[in-house]
């Protein structure tokens, strides 16, 4: 009950603050008067490079498929303060979009509040949300957040929600019953074949260990230590990293000036390895982009398991681990094959619904 009360208070205070920004701290938004505009909200500036890869993929997807569009990108922190300017300047030909990822639900309330505020304020504008995963916790806080989101999303007549795996599609159709919900791969899949990658063959020698350090991890500290020790014993080189830019204590702000460089540096880490071991969804996707076989652990929600079952069934270069046994892991590594992107081309072709949503054809 205490957590619920705390969440309700924070939601109320957040609503007051966002309304203050919306009314009194308005930022000017420059839209083209000669081209159709796509206004993409929710751009993160934090150092999680999985989210930054989504930003790069979203931008490239729009450039490749809608070359005559004027793209305007708005930071997540500027959502409320930019809404008035967009509301006044946008026409019926323009489209508002929101950044994708895995933050619809109760785990990342700040992102969900920003998205709800936008949906509530722009009822007359077409809004399309880039591919998302949905997870509302099965407790009082999760049910409270779900009711809030359901009421606001369902009250928007022109909202299209794209979701990136089957579990989220089922949940979105149940929770957002009046919203058009469509299945689309994580937008980072659209970057397949955009990187040069050398082939990897057995025996594997260099291992990249990419494990979470937050609440989404299912792995205990003891198991992580046992895993690292087992890998050290078996392989010549084991390197530990995460999906953050810079050191863990680094408070780097990512923007258009450094995003491409930081992503390239992280992708180079993956390309260095013969094998990636991770419990992060975008750790898995970075291994795909660089052509590295991947051993992946499930996290504490559905998104890794559901993404693999939706788009990567039968992929012999990716192995999902649900049993936390060193013996199982060693056997799974021996079964992994080197990666070819040929069998992933089909996934890259699954963006038809997203294109239609952007064109207003859904």
Protein backbone atom coordinates (compact mmCIF):
# COMPACT_ATOMS: atom_id res chain seq x y z
CA UNK A 1 0.00 0.00 0.00
CA UNK A 2 2.87 2.39 0.80
CA UNK A 3 4.33 1.93 -2.70
CA UNK A 4 0.92 2.64 -4.24
CA UNK A 5 0.43 5.82 -2.21
CA UNK A 6 3.94 6.93 -3.12
CA UNK A 7 3.28 6.28 -6.84
CA UNK A 8 -0.07 8.15 -6.74
CA UNK A 9 1.55 11.18 -5.08
CA UNK A 10 4.35 11.23 -7.62
CA UNK A 11 1.85 10.94 -10.47
CA UNK A 12 -0.16 13.91 -9.18
CA UNK A 13 2.96 16.04 -8.65
CA UNK A 14 4.25 15.07 -12.08
CA UNK A 15 0.95 16.09 -13.69
CA UNK A 16 1.10 19.48 -11.97
CA UNK A 17 4.69 20.03 -13.11
CA UNK A 18 4.00 18.99 -16.70
CA UNK A 19 0.97 21.28 -16.90
CA UNK A 20 3.11 24.13 -15.58
CA UNK A 21 5.70 23.45 -18.30
CA UNK A 22 2.97 23.13 -20.92
CA UNK A 23 1.38 26.48 -19.99
CA UNK A 24 4.24 28.64 -18.74
CA UNK A 25 7.55 27.25 -20.03
CA UNK A 26 6.65 26.84 -23.68
CA UNK A 27 9.44 26.07 -26.11
CA UNK A 28 9.28 27.12 -29.72
CA UNK A 29 9.06 24.26 -32.22
CA UNK A 30 9.94 25.03 -35.83
CA UNK A 31 7.92 23.06 -38.35
CA UNK A 32 8.21 23.15 -42.11
CA UNK A 33 5.45 25.00 -43.95
CA UNK A 34 6.27 23.39 -47.29
CA UNK A 35 6.81 19.74 -46.27
CA UNK A 36 4.88 17.26 -44.19
CA UNK A 37 6.39 17.06 -40.70
CA UNK A 38 6.99 14.09 -38.46
CA UNK A 39 7.50 15.29 -34.89
CA UNK A 40 9.26 12.53 -32.94
CA UNK A 41 8.93 12.94 -29.16
CA UNK A 42 10.63 11.06 -26.34
CA UNK A 43 14.24 11.20 -27.53
CA UNK A 44 16.41 10.03 -24.58
CA UNK A 45 19.70 11.70 -23.68
CA UNK A 46 20.76 9.14 -21.07
CA UNK A 47 23.76 6.83 -21.71
CA UNK A 48 21.85 3.57 -22.35
CA UNK A 49 23.09 2.70 -25.83
CA UNK A 50 20.24 0.29 -26.50
CA UNK A 51 17.87 3.26 -26.38
CA UNK A 52 20.29 5.31 -28.47
CA UNK A 53 20.40 2.57 -31.11
CA UNK A 54 16.60 2.82 -31.25
CA UNK A 55 16.90 6.57 -31.88
CA UNK A 56 19.37 6.03 -34.73
CA UNK A 57 17.22 3.29 -36.25
CA UNK A 58 14.05 5.40 -36.02
CA UNK A 59 15.74 8.32 -37.72
CA UNK A 60 17.18 6.11 -40.48
CA UNK A 61 13.86 4.31 -40.98
CA UNK A 62 12.09 7.61 -41.59
CA UNK A 63 14.88 8.87 -43.89
CA UNK A 64 14.86 5.64 -45.95
CA UNK A 65 11.11 5.28 -46.30
CA UNK A 66 9.90 8.90 -46.22
CA UNK A 67 12.70 10.97 -47.79
CA UNK A 68 10.51 14.03 -48.38
CA UNK A 69 9.43 14.29 -44.75
CA UNK A 70 10.77 16.99 -42.42
CA UNK A 71 11.78 15.22 -39.19
CA UNK A 72 11.72 17.18 -35.92
CA UNK A 73 13.14 15.38 -32.86
CA UNK A 74 12.16 16.45 -29.34
CA UNK A 75 13.95 15.31 -26.17
CA UNK A 76 11.90 13.39 -23.62
CA UNK A 77 12.67 16.06 -21.03
CA UNK A 78 11.08 18.68 -23.32
CA UNK A 79 7.84 16.78 -23.91
CA UNK A 80 5.49 19.02 -21.92
CA UNK A 81 7.18 22.32 -22.77
CA UNK A 82 7.13 21.57 -26.52
CA UNK A 83 3.55 20.37 -26.80
CA UNK A 84 1.91 23.79 -27.02
CA UNK A 85 4.13 24.80 -29.93
CA UNK A 86 3.40 21.56 -31.78
CA UNK A 87 -0.32 21.85 -31.08
CA UNK A 88 -0.41 25.36 -32.54
CA UNK A 89 1.84 24.73 -35.57
CA UNK A 90 1.00 21.18 -36.71
CA UNK A 91 -1.55 20.61 -39.44
CA UNK A 92 -3.70 17.59 -40.21
CA UNK A 93 -1.02 16.46 -42.70
CA UNK A 94 1.64 16.27 -39.98
CA UNK A 95 2.27 13.25 -37.77
CA UNK A 96 3.32 13.02 -34.13
CA UNK A 97 5.36 9.96 -33.21
CA UNK A 98 6.78 8.72 -29.92
CA UNK A 99 10.07 6.94 -29.34
CA UNK A 100 9.99 3.14 -29.07
CA UNK A 101 11.58 0.74 -26.59
CA UNK A 102 10.36 -1.20 -23.59
CA UNK A 103 8.86 1.40 -21.28
CA UNK A 104 5.08 1.22 -21.65
CA UNK A 105 3.95 -0.01 -18.25
CA UNK A 106 4.80 0.47 -14.61
CA UNK A 107 8.57 -0.12 -14.56
CA UNK A 108 9.52 3.24 -16.07
CA UNK A 109 6.85 5.66 -14.81
CA UNK A 110 8.53 8.87 -15.99
CA UNK A 111 8.46 7.77 -19.63
CA UNK A 112 4.89 6.54 -19.31
CA UNK A 113 3.73 9.83 -17.73
CA UNK A 114 5.32 11.85 -20.53
CA UNK A 115 3.68 9.65 -23.15
CA UNK A 116 0.27 9.83 -21.45
CA UNK A 117 0.52 13.61 -21.17
CA UNK A 118 1.24 13.90 -24.89
CA UNK A 119 -1.61 11.56 -25.83
CA UNK A 120 -4.01 13.51 -23.63
CA UNK A 121 -3.02 16.92 -25.02
CA UNK A 122 -2.96 15.97 -28.73
CA UNK A 123 -6.31 14.25 -29.18
CA UNK A 124 -6.93 15.80 -32.61
CA UNK A 125 -3.51 14.87 -34.01
CA UNK A 126 -2.52 11.53 -35.50
CA UNK A 127 -0.08 9.81 -33.11
CA UNK A 128 1.97 6.71 -33.88
CA UNK A 129 4.17 5.05 -31.24
CA UNK A 130 7.31 3.29 -32.50
CA UNK A 131 7.60 -0.42 -31.51
CA UNK A 132 7.25 -0.90 -27.77
CA UNK A 133 7.07 -3.67 -25.20
CA UNK A 134 4.36 -3.56 -22.53
CA UNK A 135 4.70 -4.70 -18.94
CA UNK A 136 2.44 -3.73 -16.05
CA UNK A 137 3.44 -5.42 -12.79
CA UNK A 138 0.90 -7.76 -11.21
CA UNK A 139 0.53 -5.71 -8.03
CA UNK A 140 -1.34 -2.61 -6.85
CA UNK A 141 1.13 -0.22 -8.47
CA UNK A 142 0.98 -2.06 -11.79
CA UNK A 143 -2.82 -2.16 -11.77
CA UNK A 144 -2.99 1.55 -10.94
CA UNK A 145 -0.65 2.45 -13.80
CA UNK A 146 -2.55 0.16 -16.16
CA UNK A 147 -5.88 1.85 -15.36
CA UNK A 148 -4.33 5.29 -15.92
CA UNK A 149 -2.79 4.32 -19.26
CA UNK A 150 -5.84 2.41 -20.44
CA UNK A 151 -8.15 5.37 -19.84
CA UNK A 152 -5.92 7.88 -21.62
CA UNK A 153 -4.83 5.71 -24.56
CA UNK A 154 -8.38 4.51 -25.24
CA UNK A 155 -9.66 8.08 -25.27
CA UNK A 156 -7.48 9.06 -28.25
CA UNK A 157 -9.30 8.56 -31.58
CA UNK A 158 -6.22 8.66 -33.84
CA UNK A 159 -3.63 6.65 -31.90
CA UNK A 160 -1.70 3.73 -33.39
CA UNK A 161 0.47 1.64 -31.07
CA UNK A 162 3.06 -0.66 -32.63
CA UNK A 163 4.40 -3.40 -30.36
CA UNK A 164 7.52 -5.46 -30.90
CA UNK A 165 6.57 -9.00 -29.84
CA UNK A 166 3.54 -11.26 -29.39
CA UNK A 167 3.15 -10.96 -25.62
CA UNK A 168 2.88 -7.18 -25.92
CA UNK A 169 0.41 -7.51 -28.79
CA UNK A 170 -1.87 -9.69 -26.65
CA UNK A 171 -1.61 -7.34 -23.68
CA UNK A 172 -2.12 -4.19 -25.75
CA UNK A 173 -5.24 -5.58 -27.41
CA UNK A 174 -6.67 -6.38 -23.97
CA UNK A 175 -5.69 -3.13 -22.23
CA UNK A 176 -6.08 -0.66 -25.12
CA UNK A 177 -9.20 -2.12 -26.69
CA UNK A 178 -10.10 0.94 -28.83
CA UNK A 179 -6.53 1.62 -30.01
CA UNK A 180 -5.17 0.25 -33.28
CA UNK A 181 -2.39 -2.11 -32.11
CA UNK A 182 -0.07 -3.77 -34.65
CA UNK A 183 2.91 -6.12 -34.43
CA UNK A 184 6.25 -4.83 -35.72
CA UNK A 185 9.84 -5.92 -34.95
CA UNK A 186 12.01 -3.81 -32.67
CA UNK A 187 13.14 -0.98 -34.93
CA UNK A 188 16.81 -1.94 -34.39
CA UNK A 189 16.17 -5.04 -36.55
CA UNK A 190 15.89 -2.61 -39.48
CA UNK A 191 19.65 -1.98 -39.14
CA UNK A 192 20.51 -5.56 -40.17
CA UNK A 193 23.09 -5.57 -42.99
CA UNK A 194 24.15 -1.98 -42.30
CA UNK A 195 27.42 -3.00 -40.60
CA UNK A 196 30.44 -4.84 -41.93
CA UNK A 197 31.16 -7.94 -39.84
CA UNK A 198 33.73 -10.68 -40.20
CA UNK A 199 32.69 -14.31 -39.85
CA UNK A 200 33.12 -16.13 -36.54
CA UNK A 201 33.90 -19.83 -36.40
CA UNK A 202 34.54 -22.33 -33.64
CA UNK A 203 36.34 -22.77 -31.39
CA UNK A 204 35.21 -19.57 -29.68
CA UNK A 205 38.10 -17.79 -27.96
CA UNK A 206 36.94 -14.26 -27.09
CA UNK A 207 33.79 -13.81 -24.99
CA UNK A 208 31.91 -10.57 -24.32
CA UNK A 209 29.86 -10.71 -21.10
CA UNK A 210 27.06 -8.10 -21.10
CA UNK A 211 24.91 -8.36 -17.98
CA UNK A 212 22.32 -6.06 -16.41
CA UNK A 213 22.87 -4.35 -13.09
CA UNK A 214 19.29 -3.18 -12.55
CA UNK A 215 15.90 -4.50 -11.44
CA UNK A 216 15.18 -6.21 -14.77
CA UNK A 217 17.90 -8.81 -14.15
CA UNK A 218 16.93 -12.30 -12.98
CA UNK A 219 20.53 -13.27 -12.23
CA UNK A 220 21.83 -13.22 -8.67
CA UNK A 221 25.22 -11.74 -7.82
CA UNK A 222 26.42 -15.23 -6.86
CA UNK A 223 25.41 -16.72 -10.22
CA UNK A 224 27.02 -13.85 -12.13
CA UNK A 225 30.27 -14.50 -10.25
CA UNK A 226 30.06 -18.26 -10.98
CA UNK A 227 29.33 -17.56 -14.64
CA UNK A 228 32.27 -15.19 -15.00
CA UNK A 229 34.59 -17.70 -13.31
CA UNK A 230 33.40 -20.56 -15.54
CA UNK A 231 33.93 -18.49 -18.68
CA UNK A 232 37.38 -17.40 -17.48
CA UNK A 233 38.34 -21.04 -17.01
CA UNK A 234 37.16 -22.13 -20.45
CA UNK A 235 38.03 -19.28 -22.81
CA UNK A 236 41.18 -17.36 -23.60
CA UNK A 237 39.73 -13.85 -23.23
CA UNK A 238 36.62 -12.73 -21.36
CA UNK A 239 35.66 -9.08 -21.41
CA UNK A 240 32.91 -7.58 -19.27
CA UNK A 241 30.89 -4.61 -20.45
CA UNK A 242 27.36 -3.20 -20.28
CA UNK A 243 25.08 -1.23 -22.57
CA UNK A 244 26.02 2.13 -21.12
CA UNK A 245 28.23 4.78 -22.68
CA UNK A 246 31.35 5.42 -20.62
CA UNK A 247 31.99 4.24 -17.09
CA UNK A 248 29.10 3.22 -14.79
CA UNK A 249 29.45 6.49 -12.85
CA UNK A 250 29.56 8.53 -16.04
CA UNK A 251 26.74 11.07 -16.36
CA UNK A 252 27.34 11.62 -20.07
CA UNK A 253 24.52 13.28 -22.00
CA UNK A 254 23.95 11.77 -25.45
CA UNK A 255 22.77 13.91 -28.33
CA UNK A 256 23.24 14.26 -32.09
CA UNK A 257 26.85 15.37 -31.58
CA UNK A 258 28.08 12.16 -29.96
CA UNK A 259 25.40 9.47 -30.52
CA UNK A 260 26.91 7.95 -33.68
CA UNK A 261 30.44 7.82 -32.23
CA UNK A 262 29.35 6.21 -28.96
CA UNK A 263 27.24 3.63 -30.76
CA UNK A 264 30.13 2.80 -33.09
CA UNK A 265 32.44 2.31 -30.09
CA UNK A 266 29.98 -0.06 -28.41
CA UNK A 267 29.34 -2.02 -31.60
CA UNK A 268 33.11 -2.38 -32.01
CA UNK A 269 33.20 -4.09 -28.60
CA UNK A 270 30.65 -6.63 -29.83
CA UNK A 271 32.52 -7.12 -33.12
CA UNK A 272 35.69 -7.91 -31.12
CA UNK A 273 34.09 -10.99 -29.58
CA UNK A 274 33.59 -14.51 -30.93
CA UNK A 275 30.57 -15.00 -28.68
CA UNK A 276 28.25 -12.69 -26.68
CA UNK A 277 26.70 -13.74 -23.36
CA UNK A 278 24.00 -11.34 -22.20
CA UNK A 279 20.68 -10.81 -20.41
CA UNK A 280 19.83 -7.63 -22.33
CA UNK A 281 17.52 -7.44 -25.32
CA UNK A 282 19.68 -4.92 -27.13
CA UNK A 283 22.77 -6.87 -26.14
CA UNK A 284 21.17 -9.62 -28.22
CA UNK A 285 20.35 -7.22 -31.06
CA UNK A 286 23.87 -5.76 -31.06
CA UNK A 287 25.21 -9.31 -31.40
CA UNK A 288 22.90 -9.77 -34.41
CA UNK A 289 24.03 -6.49 -36.00
CA UNK A 290 27.68 -7.50 -35.66
CA UNK A 291 27.12 -11.13 -36.70
CA UNK A 292 28.07 -12.67 -33.35
CA UNK A 293 26.46 -15.81 -31.89
CA UNK A 294 24.69 -15.05 -28.65
CA UNK A 295 23.78 -16.84 -25.45
CA UNK A 296 20.97 -14.88 -23.80
CA UNK A 297 19.31 -15.16 -20.38
CA UNK A 298 15.67 -14.22 -19.82
CA UNK A 299 15.05 -11.08 -17.73
CA UNK A 300 12.28 -10.42 -15.21
CA UNK A 301 9.63 -9.57 -17.80
CA UNK A 302 8.61 -11.10 -21.09
CA UNK A 303 10.47 -8.99 -23.64
CA UNK A 304 13.52 -11.19 -24.34
CA UNK A 305 11.65 -14.50 -24.42
CA UNK A 306 8.79 -13.04 -26.44
CA UNK A 307 11.08 -11.29 -28.93
CA UNK A 308 12.96 -14.53 -29.57
CA UNK A 309 9.78 -16.62 -29.90
CA UNK A 310 8.17 -13.99 -32.16
CA UNK A 311 11.04 -13.22 -34.55
CA UNK A 312 13.97 -15.58 -33.93
CA UNK A 313 12.39 -19.03 -33.75
CA UNK A 314 14.87 -21.59 -35.01
CA UNK A 315 17.84 -19.20 -35.05
CA UNK A 316 20.79 -21.50 -34.37
CA UNK A 317 23.16 -18.65 -33.55
CA UNK A 318 21.01 -17.44 -30.60
CA UNK A 319 20.29 -19.59 -27.57
CA UNK A 320 17.83 -18.61 -24.83
CA UNK A 321 18.76 -19.86 -21.35
CA UNK A 322 16.05 -20.38 -18.71
CA UNK A 323 17.97 -22.78 -16.45
CA UNK A 324 20.74 -21.13 -14.50
CA UNK A 325 23.19 -24.02 -14.47
CA UNK A 326 26.83 -23.77 -15.54
CA UNK A 327 26.53 -27.23 -17.12
CA UNK A 328 23.52 -26.12 -19.20
CA UNK A 329 25.38 -22.99 -20.27
CA UNK A 330 28.48 -24.92 -21.35
CA UNK A 331 26.32 -27.35 -23.35
CA UNK A 332 24.43 -24.47 -24.98
CA UNK A 333 27.67 -22.75 -26.00
CA UNK A 334 28.85 -25.96 -27.66
CA UNK A 335 25.58 -26.07 -29.66
CA UNK A 336 25.79 -22.48 -30.92
CA UNK A 337 26.67 -21.97 -34.55
CA UNK A 338 28.34 -19.03 -36.24
CA UNK A 339 25.88 -16.40 -37.36
CA UNK A 340 24.65 -15.70 -40.85
CA UNK A 341 22.29 -12.79 -41.37
CA UNK A 342 20.66 -14.47 -44.37
CA UNK A 343 17.89 -15.96 -42.25
CA UNK A 344 17.21 -12.55 -40.63
CA UNK A 345 16.34 -10.74 -43.85
CA UNK A 346 12.73 -11.86 -43.44
CA UNK A 347 12.50 -10.01 -40.12
CA UNK A 348 13.79 -6.87 -41.78
CA UNK A 349 10.87 -7.01 -44.21
CA UNK A 350 8.21 -6.99 -41.46
CA UNK A 351 7.75 -3.21 -41.21
CA UNK A 352 4.81 -2.92 -43.61
CA UNK A 353 2.30 -2.14 -40.83
CA UNK A 354 4.54 0.57 -39.41
CA UNK A 355 4.89 2.19 -42.85
CA UNK A 356 1.12 2.11 -43.31
CA UNK A 357 0.59 3.62 -39.86
CA UNK A 358 2.92 6.50 -40.70
CA UNK A 359 1.12 7.00 -44.03
CA UNK A 360 -2.25 7.01 -42.26
CA UNK A 361 -3.45 3.88 -44.02
CA UNK A 362 -4.38 1.85 -40.94
